[in-house]
Amino acid sequence: TLFPYTTLFRSCYMTSALNSEVTLQALDADYALDLLYLQITNGSANAQTVTIRDGTAGTTRLVVGLPATSGATVTYSFAPLFVPQTAKNRNWTAQATSANTMYYTAVFKKTASA
């Protein structure tokens, strides 16, 4: 492989208009997926709070507030640090406080030690 390090990372982009927990990144049976980068954009004119968990109904890792402005964006770049996932074989989820359109972008690092 020309760029073998690319297999160490996963990225995702998703849009959701739900206020229930939605999968941000699918699980990996062999690795924990540590969060390196997260960008959330509020697509509505309503204030939002988004909870990021490292598994469905799992441990809350971040709570992000977004102002009542359509297009308001919050970006976290943790590299070289990261937000660790508590165990492998778990997904990452996001849950907004109300059913308005939210845009999510994230990058994860595969870690075999969890």
PDB file of N, CA and C in Angstrom:
ATOM      1  N   THR A   1       0.839  -1.185   0.000  1.00  0.00           N
ATOM      2  CA  THR A   1       0.000   0.000   0.000  1.00  0.00           C
ATOM      3  C   THR A   1       0.881   1.245   0.000  1.00  0.00           C
ATOM      4  N   LEU A   2       0.563   2.153  -0.845  1.00  0.00           N
ATOM      5  CA  LEU A   2       1.354   3.372  -0.959  1.00  0.00           C
ATOM      6  C   LEU A   2       1.275   4.217   0.314  1.00  0.00           C
ATOM      7  N   PHE A   3       0.083   4.329   0.897  1.00  0.00           N
ATOM      8  CA  PHE A   3      -0.106   5.114   2.116  1.00  0.00           C
ATOM      9  C   PHE A   3      -0.732   4.236   3.191  1.00  0.00           C
ATOM     10  N   PRO A   4       0.034   3.376   3.840  1.00  0.00           N
ATOM     11  CA  PRO A   4      -0.540   2.431   4.796  1.00  0.00           C
ATOM     12  C   PRO A   4      -1.161   3.098   6.021  1.00  0.00           C
ATOM     13  N   TYR A   5      -0.714   4.313   6.366  1.00  0.00           N
ATOM     14  CA  TYR A   5      -1.263   4.983   7.541  1.00  0.00           C
ATOM     15  C   TYR A   5      -2.736   5.339   7.370  1.00  0.00           C
ATOM     16  N   THR A   6      -3.235   5.408   6.149  1.00  0.00           N
ATOM     17  CA  THR A   6      -4.645   5.760   5.949  1.00  0.00           C
ATOM     18  C   THR A   6      -5.571   4.688   6.504  1.00  0.00           C
ATOM     19  N   THR A   7      -5.080   3.473   6.687  1.00  0.00           N
ATOM     20  CA  THR A   7      -5.916   2.421   7.278  1.00  0.00           C
ATOM     21  C   THR A   7      -6.045   2.590   8.781  1.00  0.00           C
ATOM     22  N   LEU A   8      -5.304   3.522   9.356  1.00  0.00           N
ATOM     23  CA  LEU A   8      -5.369   3.764  10.794  1.00  0.00           C
ATOM     24  C   LEU A   8      -6.445   4.765  11.172  1.00  0.00           C
ATOM     25  N   PHE A   9      -7.088   5.376  10.195  1.00  0.00           N
ATOM     26  CA  PHE A   9      -8.055   6.428  10.459  1.00  0.00           C
ATOM     27  C   PHE A   9      -9.383   6.127   9.777  1.00  0.00           C
ATOM     28  N   ARG A  10     -10.433   6.684  10.329  1.00  0.00           N
ATOM     29  CA  ARG A  10     -11.754   6.638   9.706  1.00  0.00           C
ATOM     30  C   ARG A  10     -12.328   8.042   9.765  1.00  0.00           C
ATOM     31  N   SER A  11     -13.108   8.374   8.771  1.00  0.00           N
ATOM     32  CA  SER A  11     -13.779   9.674   8.793  1.00  0.00           C
ATOM     33  C   SER A  11     -15.244   9.472   8.455  1.00  0.00           C
ATOM     34  N   CYS A  12     -16.043  10.434   8.829  1.00  0.00           N
ATOM     35  CA  CYS A  12     -17.467  10.342   8.514  1.00  0.00           C
ATOM     36  C   CYS A  12     -18.034  11.735   8.305  1.00  0.00           C
ATOM     37  N   TYR A  13     -19.100  11.780   7.548  1.00  0.00           N
ATOM     38  CA  TYR A  13     -19.888  12.984   7.359  1.00  0.00           C
ATOM     39  C   TYR A  13     -21.341  12.550   7.366  1.00  0.00           C
ATOM     40  N   MET A  14     -22.158  13.199   8.140  1.00  0.00           N
ATOM     41  CA  MET A  14     -23.567  12.836   8.148  1.00  0.00           C
ATOM     42  C   MET A  14     -24.426  14.046   8.453  1.00  0.00           C
ATOM     43  N   THR A  15     -25.677  13.951   8.048  1.00  0.00           N
ATOM     44  CA  THR A  15     -26.689  14.958   8.326  1.00  0.00           C
ATOM     45  C   THR A  15     -27.811  14.271   9.076  1.00  0.00           C
ATOM     46  N   SER A  16     -28.328  14.925  10.097  1.00  0.00           N
ATOM     47  CA  SER A  16     -29.434  14.358  10.852  1.00  0.00           C
ATOM     48  C   SER A  16     -30.400  15.461  11.233  1.00  0.00           C
ATOM     49  N   ALA A  17     -31.681  15.141  11.199  1.00  0.00           N
ATOM     50  CA  ALA A  17     -32.716  16.073  11.651  1.00  0.00           C
ATOM     51  C   ALA A  17     -33.525  15.425  12.768  1.00  0.00           C
ATOM     52  N   LEU A  18     -32.883  14.553  13.525  1.00  0.00           N
ATOM     53  CA  LEU A  18     -33.552  13.841  14.614  1.00  0.00           C
ATOM     54  C   LEU A  18     -33.059  14.347  15.957  1.00  0.00           C
ATOM     55  N   ASN A  19     -33.899  14.213  16.984  1.00  0.00           N
ATOM     56  CA  ASN A  19     -33.431  14.516  18.329  1.00  0.00           C
ATOM     57  C   ASN A  19     -33.242  13.229  19.127  1.00  0.00           C
ATOM     58  N   SER A  20     -33.234  12.085  18.438  1.00  0.00           N
ATOM     59  CA  SER A  20     -32.885  10.824  19.079  1.00  0.00           C
ATOM     60  C   SER A  20     -31.418  10.528  18.771  1.00  0.00           C
ATOM     61  N   GLU A  21     -30.860   9.574  19.461  1.00  0.00           N
ATOM     62  CA  GLU A  21     -29.458   9.226  19.275  1.00  0.00           C
ATOM     63  C   GLU A  21     -29.247   8.610  17.889  1.00  0.00           C
ATOM     64  N   VAL A  22     -28.296   9.142  17.129  1.00  0.00           N
ATOM     65  CA  VAL A  22     -28.006   8.643  15.779  1.00  0.00           C
ATOM     66  C   VAL A  22     -26.546   8.208  15.720  1.00  0.00           C
ATOM     67  N   THR A  23     -26.254   7.227  14.888  1.00  0.00           N
ATOM     68  CA  THR A  23     -24.891   6.718  14.766  1.00  0.00           C
ATOM     69  C   THR A  23     -24.043   7.684  13.958  1.00  0.00           C
ATOM     70  N   LEU A  24     -22.979   8.134  14.569  1.00  0.00           N
ATOM     71  CA  LEU A  24     -22.024   9.028  13.925  1.00  0.00           C
ATOM     72  C   LEU A  24     -20.942   8.210  13.216  1.00  0.00           C
ATOM     73  N   GLN A  25     -20.494   7.130  13.840  1.00  0.00           N
ATOM     74  CA  GLN A  25     -19.489   6.239  13.263  1.00  0.00           C
ATOM     75  C   GLN A  25     -19.801   4.812  13.690  1.00  0.00           C
ATOM     76  N   ALA A  26     -19.855   3.912  12.722  1.00  0.00           N
ATOM     77  CA  ALA A  26     -20.145   2.508  13.008  1.00  0.00           C
ATOM     78  C   ALA A  26     -19.017   1.892  13.835  1.00  0.00           C
ATOM     79  N   LEU A  27     -19.345   0.819  14.517  1.00  0.00           N
ATOM     80  CA  LEU A  27     -18.356   0.145  15.360  1.00  0.00           C
ATOM     81  C   LEU A  27     -17.291  -0.568  14.535  1.00  0.00           C
ATOM     82  N   ASP A  28     -16.197  -0.864  15.180  1.00  0.00           N
ATOM     83  CA  ASP A  28     -15.131  -1.667  14.601  1.00  0.00           C
ATOM     84  C   ASP A  28     -14.851  -2.794  15.590  1.00  0.00           C
ATOM     85  N   ALA A  29     -15.015  -4.028  15.160  1.00  0.00           N
ATOM     86  CA  ALA A  29     -14.880  -5.174  16.061  1.00  0.00           C
ATOM     87  C   ALA A  29     -13.458  -5.349  16.578  1.00  0.00           C
ATOM     88  N   ASP A  30     -12.478  -4.840  15.863  1.00  0.00           N
ATOM     89  CA  ASP A  30     -11.077  -5.063  16.226  1.00  0.00           C
ATOM     90  C   ASP A  30     -10.401  -3.894  16.922  1.00  0.00           C
ATOM     91  N   TYR A  31     -10.974  -2.696  16.812  1.00  0.00           N
ATOM     92  CA  TYR A  31     -10.316  -1.505  17.331  1.00  0.00           C
ATOM     93  C   TYR A  31     -11.275  -0.604  18.081  1.00  0.00           C
ATOM     94  N   ALA A  32     -10.732   0.132  19.040  1.00  0.00           N
ATOM     95  CA  ALA A  32     -11.433   1.286  19.590  1.00  0.00           C
ATOM     96  C   ALA A  32     -11.184   2.431  18.611  1.00  0.00           C
ATOM     97  N   LEU A  33     -12.145   3.308  18.450  1.00  0.00           N
ATOM     98  CA  LEU A  33     -12.030   4.433  17.522  1.00  0.00           C
ATOM     99  C   LEU A  33     -11.986   5.723  18.333  1.00  0.00           C
ATOM    100  N   ASP A  34     -10.793   6.252  18.535  1.00  0.00           N
ATOM    101  CA  ASP A  34     -10.615   7.458  19.330  1.00  0.00           C
ATOM    102  C   ASP A  34     -10.890   8.690  18.479  1.00  0.00           C
ATOM    103  N   LEU A  35     -11.608   9.640  19.046  1.00  0.00           N
ATOM    104  CA  LEU A  35     -12.025  10.841  18.321  1.00  0.00           C
ATOM    105  C   LEU A  35     -10.886  11.849  18.242  1.00  0.00           C
ATOM    106  N   LEU A  36     -10.500  12.202  17.005  1.00  0.00           N
ATOM    107  CA  LEU A  36      -9.426  13.172  16.768  1.00  0.00           C
ATOM    108  C   LEU A  36      -9.952  14.550  16.381  1.00  0.00           C
ATOM    109  N   TYR A  37     -11.050  14.585  15.641  1.00  0.00           N
ATOM    110  CA  TYR A  37     -11.553  15.838  15.080  1.00  0.00           C
ATOM    111  C   TYR A  37     -13.067  15.769  15.006  1.00  0.00           C
ATOM    112  N   LEU A  38     -13.727  16.844  15.363  1.00  0.00           N
ATOM    113  CA  LEU A  38     -15.186  16.899  15.295  1.00  0.00           C
ATOM    114  C   LEU A  38     -15.612  18.293  14.879  1.00  0.00           C
ATOM    115  N   GLN A  39     -16.501  18.354  13.892  1.00  0.00           N
ATOM    116  CA  GLN A  39     -17.102  19.623  13.477  1.00  0.00           C
ATOM    117  C   GLN A  39     -18.604  19.424  13.433  1.00  0.00           C
ATOM    118  N   ILE A  40     -19.328  20.322  14.069  1.00  0.00           N
ATOM    119  CA  ILE A  40     -20.791  20.270  14.073  1.00  0.00           C
ATOM    120  C   ILE A  40     -21.304  21.617  13.598  1.00  0.00           C
ATOM    121  N   THR A  41     -22.219  21.585  12.636  1.00  0.00           N
ATOM    122  CA  THR A  41     -22.832  22.805  12.126  1.00  0.00           C
ATOM    123  C   THR A  41     -24.325  22.754  12.382  1.00  0.00           C
ATOM    124  N   ASN A  42     -24.854  23.831  12.932  1.00  0.00           N
ATOM    125  CA  ASN A  42     -26.280  23.954  13.201  1.00  0.00           C
ATOM    126  C   ASN A  42     -26.954  24.437  11.917  1.00  0.00           C
ATOM    127  N   GLY A  43     -27.864  23.638  11.390  1.00  0.00           N
ATOM    128  CA  GLY A  43     -28.550  23.999  10.161  1.00  0.00           C
ATOM    129  C   GLY A  43     -29.875  24.698  10.397  1.00  0.00           C
ATOM    130  N   SER A  44     -30.140  25.093  11.632  1.00  0.00           N
ATOM    131  CA  SER A  44     -31.414  25.731  11.937  1.00  0.00           C
ATOM    132  C   SER A  44     -31.183  27.057  12.651  1.00  0.00           C
ATOM    133  N   ALA A  45     -32.256  27.790  12.878  1.00  0.00           N
ATOM    134  CA  ALA A  45     -32.186  29.061  13.600  1.00  0.00           C
ATOM    135  C   ALA A  45     -32.441  28.867  15.095  1.00  0.00           C
ATOM    136  N   ASN A  46     -32.449  27.621  15.552  1.00  0.00           N
ATOM    137  CA  ASN A  46     -32.687  27.320  16.970  1.00  0.00           C
ATOM    138  C   ASN A  46     -31.390  26.897  17.648  1.00  0.00           C
ATOM    139  N   ALA A  47     -31.204  27.313  18.891  1.00  0.00           N
ATOM    140  CA  ALA A  47     -30.041  26.869  19.657  1.00  0.00           C
ATOM    141  C   ALA A  47     -30.116  25.354  19.846  1.00  0.00           C
ATOM    142  N   GLN A  48     -28.958  24.714  19.867  1.00  0.00           N
ATOM    143  CA  GLN A  48     -28.884  23.263  20.005  1.00  0.00           C
ATOM    144  C   GLN A  48     -27.825  22.893  21.023  1.00  0.00           C
ATOM    145  N   THR A  49     -28.045  21.795  21.695  1.00  0.00           N
ATOM    146  CA  THR A  49     -27.014  21.142  22.484  1.00  0.00           C
ATOM    147  C   THR A  49     -26.890  19.739  21.929  1.00  0.00           C
ATOM    148  N   VAL A  50     -25.666  19.324  21.636  1.00  0.00           N
ATOM    149  CA  VAL A  50     -25.420  17.999  21.071  1.00  0.00           C
ATOM    150  C   VAL A  50     -24.567  17.206  22.051  1.00  0.00           C
ATOM    151  N   THR A  51     -25.007  15.992  22.354  1.00  0.00           N
ATOM    152  CA  THR A  51     -24.257  15.091  23.217  1.00  0.00           C
ATOM    153  C   THR A  51     -23.581  14.043  22.349  1.00  0.00           C
ATOM    154  N   ILE A  52     -22.269  13.888  22.526  1.00  0.00           N
ATOM    155  CA  ILE A  52     -21.488  12.890  21.801  1.00  0.00           C
ATOM    156  C   ILE A  52     -21.167  11.758  22.770  1.00  0.00           C
ATOM    157  N   ARG A  53     -21.513  10.519  22.363  1.00  0.00           N
ATOM    158  CA  ARG A  53     -21.275   9.349  23.207  1.00  0.00           C
ATOM    159  C   ARG A  53     -20.419   8.331  22.462  1.00  0.00           C
ATOM    160  N   ASP A  54     -19.675   7.533  23.224  1.00  0.00           N
ATOM    161  CA  ASP A  54     -18.827   6.509  22.606  1.00  0.00           C
ATOM    162  C   ASP A  54     -19.506   5.146  22.644  1.00  0.00           C
ATOM    163  N   GLY A  55     -20.742   5.111  22.259  1.00  0.00           N
ATOM    164  CA  GLY A  55     -21.544   3.896  22.163  1.00  0.00           C
ATOM    165  C   GLY A  55     -22.999   4.262  22.341  1.00  0.00           C
ATOM    166  N   THR A  56     -23.894   3.482  21.778  1.00  0.00           N
ATOM    167  CA  THR A  56     -25.319   3.751  21.936  1.00  0.00           C
ATOM    168  C   THR A  56     -25.668   3.703  23.413  1.00  0.00           C
ATOM    169  N   ALA A  57     -26.241   4.784  23.929  1.00  0.00           N
ATOM    170  CA  ALA A  57     -26.533   4.941  25.359  1.00  0.00           C
ATOM    171  C   ALA A  57     -25.268   4.773  26.187  1.00  0.00           C
ATOM    172  N   GLY A  58     -24.114   5.120  25.593  1.00  0.00           N
ATOM    173  CA  GLY A  58     -22.824   4.917  26.254  1.00  0.00           C
ATOM    174  C   GLY A  58     -22.372   6.122  27.052  1.00  0.00           C
ATOM    175  N   THR A  59     -21.076   6.157  27.315  1.00  0.00           N
ATOM    176  CA  THR A  59     -20.465   7.209  28.105  1.00  0.00           C
ATOM    177  C   THR A  59     -20.489   8.531  27.340  1.00  0.00           C
ATOM    178  N   THR A  60     -20.978   9.585  27.975  1.00  0.00           N
ATOM    179  CA  THR A  60     -20.951  10.915  27.366  1.00  0.00           C
ATOM    180  C   THR A  60     -19.515  11.399  27.325  1.00  0.00           C
ATOM    181  N   ARG A  61     -19.037  11.725  26.129  1.00  0.00           N
ATOM    182  CA  ARG A  61     -17.667  12.196  25.951  1.00  0.00           C
ATOM    183  C   ARG A  61     -17.593  13.702  25.753  1.00  0.00           C
ATOM    184  N   LEU A  62     -18.612  14.290  25.150  1.00  0.00           N
ATOM    185  CA  LEU A  62     -18.650  15.734  24.922  1.00  0.00           C
ATOM    186  C   LEU A  62     -20.092  16.207  24.939  1.00  0.00           C
ATOM    187  N   VAL A  63     -20.289  17.420  25.409  1.00  0.00           N
ATOM    188  CA  VAL A  63     -21.573  18.111  25.257  1.00  0.00           C
ATOM    189  C   VAL A  63     -21.241  19.446  24.613  1.00  0.00           C
ATOM    190  N   VAL A  64     -21.817  19.683  23.439  1.00  0.00           N
ATOM    191  CA  VAL A  64     -21.474  20.842  22.628  1.00  0.00           C
ATOM    192  C   VAL A  64     -22.697  21.739  22.483  1.00  0.00           C
ATOM    193  N   GLY A  65     -22.537  23.008  22.796  1.00  0.00           N
ATOM    194  CA  GLY A  65     -23.611  23.981  22.612  1.00  0.00           C
ATOM    195  C   GLY A  65     -23.399  24.765  21.330  1.00  0.00           C
ATOM    196  N   LEU A  66     -24.468  24.912  20.553  1.00  0.00           N
ATOM    197  CA  LEU A  66     -24.417  25.707  19.330  1.00  0.00           C
ATOM    198  C   LEU A  66     -25.446  26.824  19.431  1.00  0.00           C
ATOM    199  N   PRO A  67     -25.073  28.048  19.057  1.00  0.00           N
ATOM    200  CA  PRO A  67     -25.996  29.176  19.165  1.00  0.00           C
ATOM    201  C   PRO A  67     -27.158  29.090  18.182  1.00  0.00           C
ATOM    202  N   ALA A  68     -28.155  29.931  18.418  1.00  0.00           N
ATOM    203  CA  ALA A  68     -29.366  29.976  17.592  1.00  0.00           C
ATOM    204  C   ALA A  68     -29.094  30.739  16.307  1.00  0.00           C
ATOM    205  N   THR A  69     -28.202  30.212  15.488  1.00  0.00           N
ATOM    206  CA  THR A  69     -27.833  30.824  14.222  1.00  0.00           C
ATOM    207  C   THR A  69     -27.646  29.729  13.192  1.00  0.00           C
ATOM    208  N   SER A  70     -28.413  29.778  12.126  1.00  0.00           N
ATOM    209  CA  SER A  70     -28.224  28.794  11.062  1.00  0.00           C
ATOM    210  C   SER A  70     -26.832  28.958  10.479  1.00  0.00           C
ATOM    211  N   GLY A  71     -26.097  27.871  10.429  1.00  0.00           N
ATOM    212  CA  GLY A  71     -24.735  27.914   9.912  1.00  0.00           C
ATOM    213  C   GLY A  71     -23.681  28.051  10.990  1.00  0.00           C
ATOM    214  N   ALA A  72     -24.091  28.179  12.253  1.00  0.00           N
ATOM    215  CA  ALA A  72     -23.121  28.260  13.342  1.00  0.00           C
ATOM    216  C   ALA A  72     -22.364  26.938  13.424  1.00  0.00           C
ATOM    217  N   THR A  73     -21.046  27.018  13.492  1.00  0.00           N
ATOM    218  CA  THR A  73     -20.204  25.827  13.480  1.00  0.00           C
ATOM    219  C   THR A  73     -19.289  25.819  14.692  1.00  0.00           C
ATOM    220  N   VAL A  74     -19.142  24.631  15.278  1.00  0.00           N
ATOM    221  CA  VAL A  74     -18.193  24.411  16.358  1.00  0.00           C
ATOM    222  C   VAL A  74     -17.225  23.342  15.878  1.00  0.00           C
ATOM    223  N   THR A  75     -15.921  23.591  16.025  1.00  0.00           N
ATOM    224  CA  THR A  75     -14.909  22.642  15.580  1.00  0.00           C
ATOM    225  C   THR A  75     -13.963  22.328  16.726  1.00  0.00           C
ATOM    226  N   TYR A  76     -13.688  21.044  16.925  1.00  0.00           N
ATOM    227  CA  TYR A  76     -12.710  20.579  17.899  1.00  0.00           C
ATOM    228  C   TYR A  76     -11.653  19.776  17.154  1.00  0.00           C
ATOM    229  N   SER A  77     -10.404  20.153  17.312  1.00  0.00           N
ATOM    230  CA  SER A  77      -9.300  19.374  16.762  1.00  0.00           C
ATOM    231  C   SER A  77      -8.446  18.950  17.946  1.00  0.00           C
ATOM    232  N   PHE A  78      -8.485  17.673  18.285  1.00  0.00           N
ATOM    233  CA  PHE A  78      -7.825  17.172  19.480  1.00  0.00           C
ATOM    234  C   PHE A  78      -6.390  16.734  19.223  1.00  0.00           C
ATOM    235  N   ALA A  79      -6.020  16.504  17.947  1.00  0.00           N
ATOM    236  CA  ALA A  79      -4.693  15.976  17.609  1.00  0.00           C
ATOM    237  C   ALA A  79      -3.608  16.915  18.120  1.00  0.00           C
ATOM    238  N   PRO A  80      -2.516  16.422  18.667  1.00  0.00           N
ATOM    239  CA  PRO A  80      -2.137  15.016  18.729  1.00  0.00           C
ATOM    240  C   PRO A  80      -2.822  14.238  19.847  1.00  0.00           C
ATOM    241  N   LEU A  81      -3.625  14.896  20.640  1.00  0.00           N
ATOM    242  CA  LEU A  81      -4.394  14.191  21.662  1.00  0.00           C
ATOM    243  C   LEU A  81      -5.678  13.674  21.034  1.00  0.00           C
ATOM    244  N   PHE A  82      -6.514  13.015  21.799  1.00  0.00           N
ATOM    245  CA  PHE A  82      -7.757  12.455  21.279  1.00  0.00           C
ATOM    246  C   PHE A  82      -8.720  12.215  22.423  1.00  0.00           C
ATOM    247  N   VAL A  83      -9.973  11.988  22.082  1.00  0.00           N
ATOM    248  CA  VAL A  83     -10.985  11.588  23.064  1.00  0.00           C
ATOM    249  C   VAL A  83     -11.085  10.073  22.956  1.00  0.00           C
ATOM    250  N   PRO A  84     -10.644   9.341  23.989  1.00  0.00           N
ATOM    251  CA  PRO A  84     -10.603   7.886  23.874  1.00  0.00           C
ATOM    252  C   PRO A  84     -11.986   7.248  23.934  1.00  0.00           C
ATOM    253  N   GLN A  85     -12.135   6.185  23.176  1.00  0.00           N
ATOM    254  CA  GLN A  85     -13.334   5.362  23.262  1.00  0.00           C
ATOM    255  C   GLN A  85     -13.102   4.350  24.385  1.00  0.00           C
ATOM    256  N   THR A  86     -14.131   4.045  25.152  1.00  0.00           N
ATOM    257  CA  THR A  86     -13.938   3.208  26.328  1.00  0.00           C
ATOM    258  C   THR A  86     -13.630   1.755  26.009  1.00  0.00           C
ATOM    259  N   ALA A  87     -14.015   1.277  24.824  1.00  0.00           N
ATOM    260  CA  ALA A  87     -13.755  -0.120  24.457  1.00  0.00           C
ATOM    261  C   ALA A  87     -13.896  -0.286  22.955  1.00  0.00           C
ATOM    262  N   LYS A  88     -13.275  -1.325  22.412  1.00  0.00           N
ATOM    263  CA  LYS A  88     -13.474  -1.619  20.994  1.00  0.00           C
ATOM    264  C   LYS A  88     -14.865  -2.209  20.797  1.00  0.00           C
ATOM    265  N   ASN A  89     -15.248  -2.336  19.546  1.00  0.00           N
ATOM    266  CA  ASN A  89     -16.553  -2.901  19.178  1.00  0.00           C
ATOM    267  C   ASN A  89     -17.720  -2.030  19.653  1.00  0.00           C
ATOM    268  N   ARG A  90     -17.508  -0.715  19.624  1.00  0.00           N
ATOM    269  CA  ARG A  90     -18.551   0.246  19.994  1.00  0.00           C
ATOM    270  C   ARG A  90     -18.648   1.310  18.905  1.00  0.00           C
ATOM    271  N   ASN A  91     -19.837   1.856  18.708  1.00  0.00           N
ATOM    272  CA  ASN A  91     -20.014   2.945  17.753  1.00  0.00           C
ATOM    273  C   ASN A  91     -19.885   4.286  18.469  1.00  0.00           C
ATOM    274  N   TRP A  92     -19.924   5.365  17.726  1.00  0.00           N
ATOM    275  CA  TRP A  92     -20.008   6.717  18.274  1.00  0.00           C
ATOM    276  C   TRP A  92     -21.377   7.268  17.885  1.00  0.00           C
ATOM    277  N   THR A  93     -22.019   8.005  18.787  1.00  0.00           N
ATOM    278  CA  THR A  93     -23.339   8.554  18.497  1.00  0.00           C
ATOM    279  C   THR A  93     -23.397  10.042  18.820  1.00  0.00           C
ATOM    280  N   ALA A  94     -24.394  10.690  18.233  1.00  0.00           N
ATOM    281  CA  ALA A  94     -24.667  12.101  18.488  1.00  0.00           C
ATOM    282  C   ALA A  94     -26.156  12.248  18.752  1.00  0.00           C
ATOM    283  N   GLN A  95     -26.504  13.120  19.683  1.00  0.00           N
ATOM    284  CA  GLN A  95     -27.913  13.373  19.972  1.00  0.00           C
ATOM    285  C   GLN A  95     -28.111  14.859  20.213  1.00  0.00           C
ATOM    286  N   ALA A  96     -28.930  15.479  19.352  1.00  0.00           N
ATOM    287  CA  ALA A  96     -29.254  16.898  19.485  1.00  0.00           C
ATOM    288  C   ALA A  96     -30.483  17.066  20.373  1.00  0.00           C
ATOM    289  N   THR A  97     -30.642  18.260  20.944  1.00  0.00           N
ATOM    290  CA  THR A  97     -31.762  18.509  21.844  1.00  0.00           C
ATOM    291  C   THR A  97     -33.089  18.680  21.135  1.00  0.00           C
ATOM    292  N   SER A  98     -33.065  19.027  19.841  1.00  0.00           N
ATOM    293  CA  SER A  98     -34.323  19.165  19.112  1.00  0.00           C
ATOM    294  C   SER A  98     -34.151  18.657  17.685  1.00  0.00           C
ATOM    295  N   ALA A  99     -35.270  18.385  17.043  1.00  0.00           N
ATOM    296  CA  ALA A  99     -35.255  17.776  15.706  1.00  0.00           C
ATOM    297  C   ALA A  99     -35.061  18.832  14.623  1.00  0.00           C
ATOM    298  N   ASN A 100     -33.869  19.388  14.562  1.00  0.00           N
ATOM    299  CA  ASN A 100     -33.493  20.329  13.521  1.00  0.00           C
ATOM    300  C   ASN A 100     -32.266  19.780  12.806  1.00  0.00           C
ATOM    301  N   THR A 101     -32.019  20.235  11.603  1.00  0.00           N
ATOM    302  CA  THR A 101     -30.917  19.699  10.808  1.00  0.00           C
ATOM    303  C   THR A 101     -29.571  20.070  11.413  1.00  0.00           C
ATOM    304  N   MET A 102     -28.732  19.037  11.579  1.00  0.00           N
ATOM    305  CA  MET A 102     -27.378  19.192  12.090  1.00  0.00           C
ATOM    306  C   MET A 102     -26.442  18.485  11.119  1.00  0.00           C
ATOM    307  N   TYR A 103     -25.248  19.042  10.927  1.00  0.00           N
ATOM    308  CA  TYR A 103     -24.245  18.463  10.039  1.00  0.00           C
ATOM    309  C   TYR A 103     -23.023  18.078  10.877  1.00  0.00           C
ATOM    310  N   TYR A 104     -22.576  16.852  10.724  1.00  0.00           N
ATOM    311  CA  TYR A 104     -21.470  16.325  11.524  1.00  0.00           C
ATOM    312  C   TYR A 104     -20.334  15.866  10.615  1.00  0.00           C
ATOM    313  N   THR A 105     -19.108  16.195  10.986  1.00  0.00           N
ATOM    314  CA  THR A 105     -17.910  15.679  10.342  1.00  0.00           C
ATOM    315  C   THR A 105     -16.973  15.246  11.461  1.00  0.00           C
ATOM    316  N   ALA A 106     -16.390  14.060  11.324  1.00  0.00           N
ATOM    317  CA  ALA A 106     -15.500  13.564  12.377  1.00  0.00           C
ATOM    318  C   ALA A 106     -14.393  12.702  11.781  1.00  0.00           C
ATOM    319  N   VAL A 107     -13.268  12.664  12.499  1.00  0.00           N
ATOM    320  CA  VAL A 107     -12.147  11.787  12.149  1.00  0.00           C
ATOM    321  C   VAL A 107     -11.793  10.993  13.400  1.00  0.00           C
ATOM    322  N   PHE A 108     -11.584   9.698  13.201  1.00  0.00           N
ATOM    323  CA  PHE A 108     -11.272   8.782  14.296  1.00  0.00           C
ATOM    324  C   PHE A 108      -9.967   8.065  14.017  1.00  0.00           C
ATOM    325  N   LYS A 109      -9.252   7.715  15.079  1.00  0.00           N
ATOM    326  CA  LYS A 109      -7.992   6.969  14.996  1.00  0.00           C
ATOM    327  C   LYS A 109      -8.243   5.581  15.568  1.00  0.00           C
ATOM    328  N   LYS A 110      -7.834   4.570  14.842  1.00  0.00           N
ATOM    329  CA  LYS A 110      -7.973   3.200  15.327  1.00  0.00           C
ATOM    330  C   LYS A 110      -6.928   2.931  16.409  1.00  0.00           C
ATOM    331  N   THR A 111      -7.375   2.349  17.530  1.00  0.00           N
ATOM    332  CA  THR A 111      -6.489   2.006  18.635  1.00  0.00           C
ATOM    333  C   THR A 111      -6.762   0.568  19.053  1.00  0.00           C
ATOM    334  N   ALA A 112      -5.748  -0.259  19.061  1.00  0.00           N
ATOM    335  CA  ALA A 112      -5.925  -1.664  19.375  1.00  0.00           C
ATOM    336  C   ALA A 112      -5.889  -1.952  20.866  1.00  0.00           C
ATOM    337  N   SER A 113      -5.488  -0.985  21.680  1.00  0.00           N
ATOM    338  CA  SER A 113      -5.250  -1.243  23.093  1.00  0.00           C
ATOM    339  C   SER A 113      -6.491  -1.252  23.968  1.00  0.00           C
ATOM    340  N   ALA A 114      -7.621  -0.737  23.498  1.00  0.00           N
ATOM    341  CA  ALA A 114      -8.817  -0.656  24.352  1.00  0.00           C
ATOM    342  C   ALA A 114      -9.507  -2.004  24.473  1.00  0.00           C
TER     343      ALA A 114
END
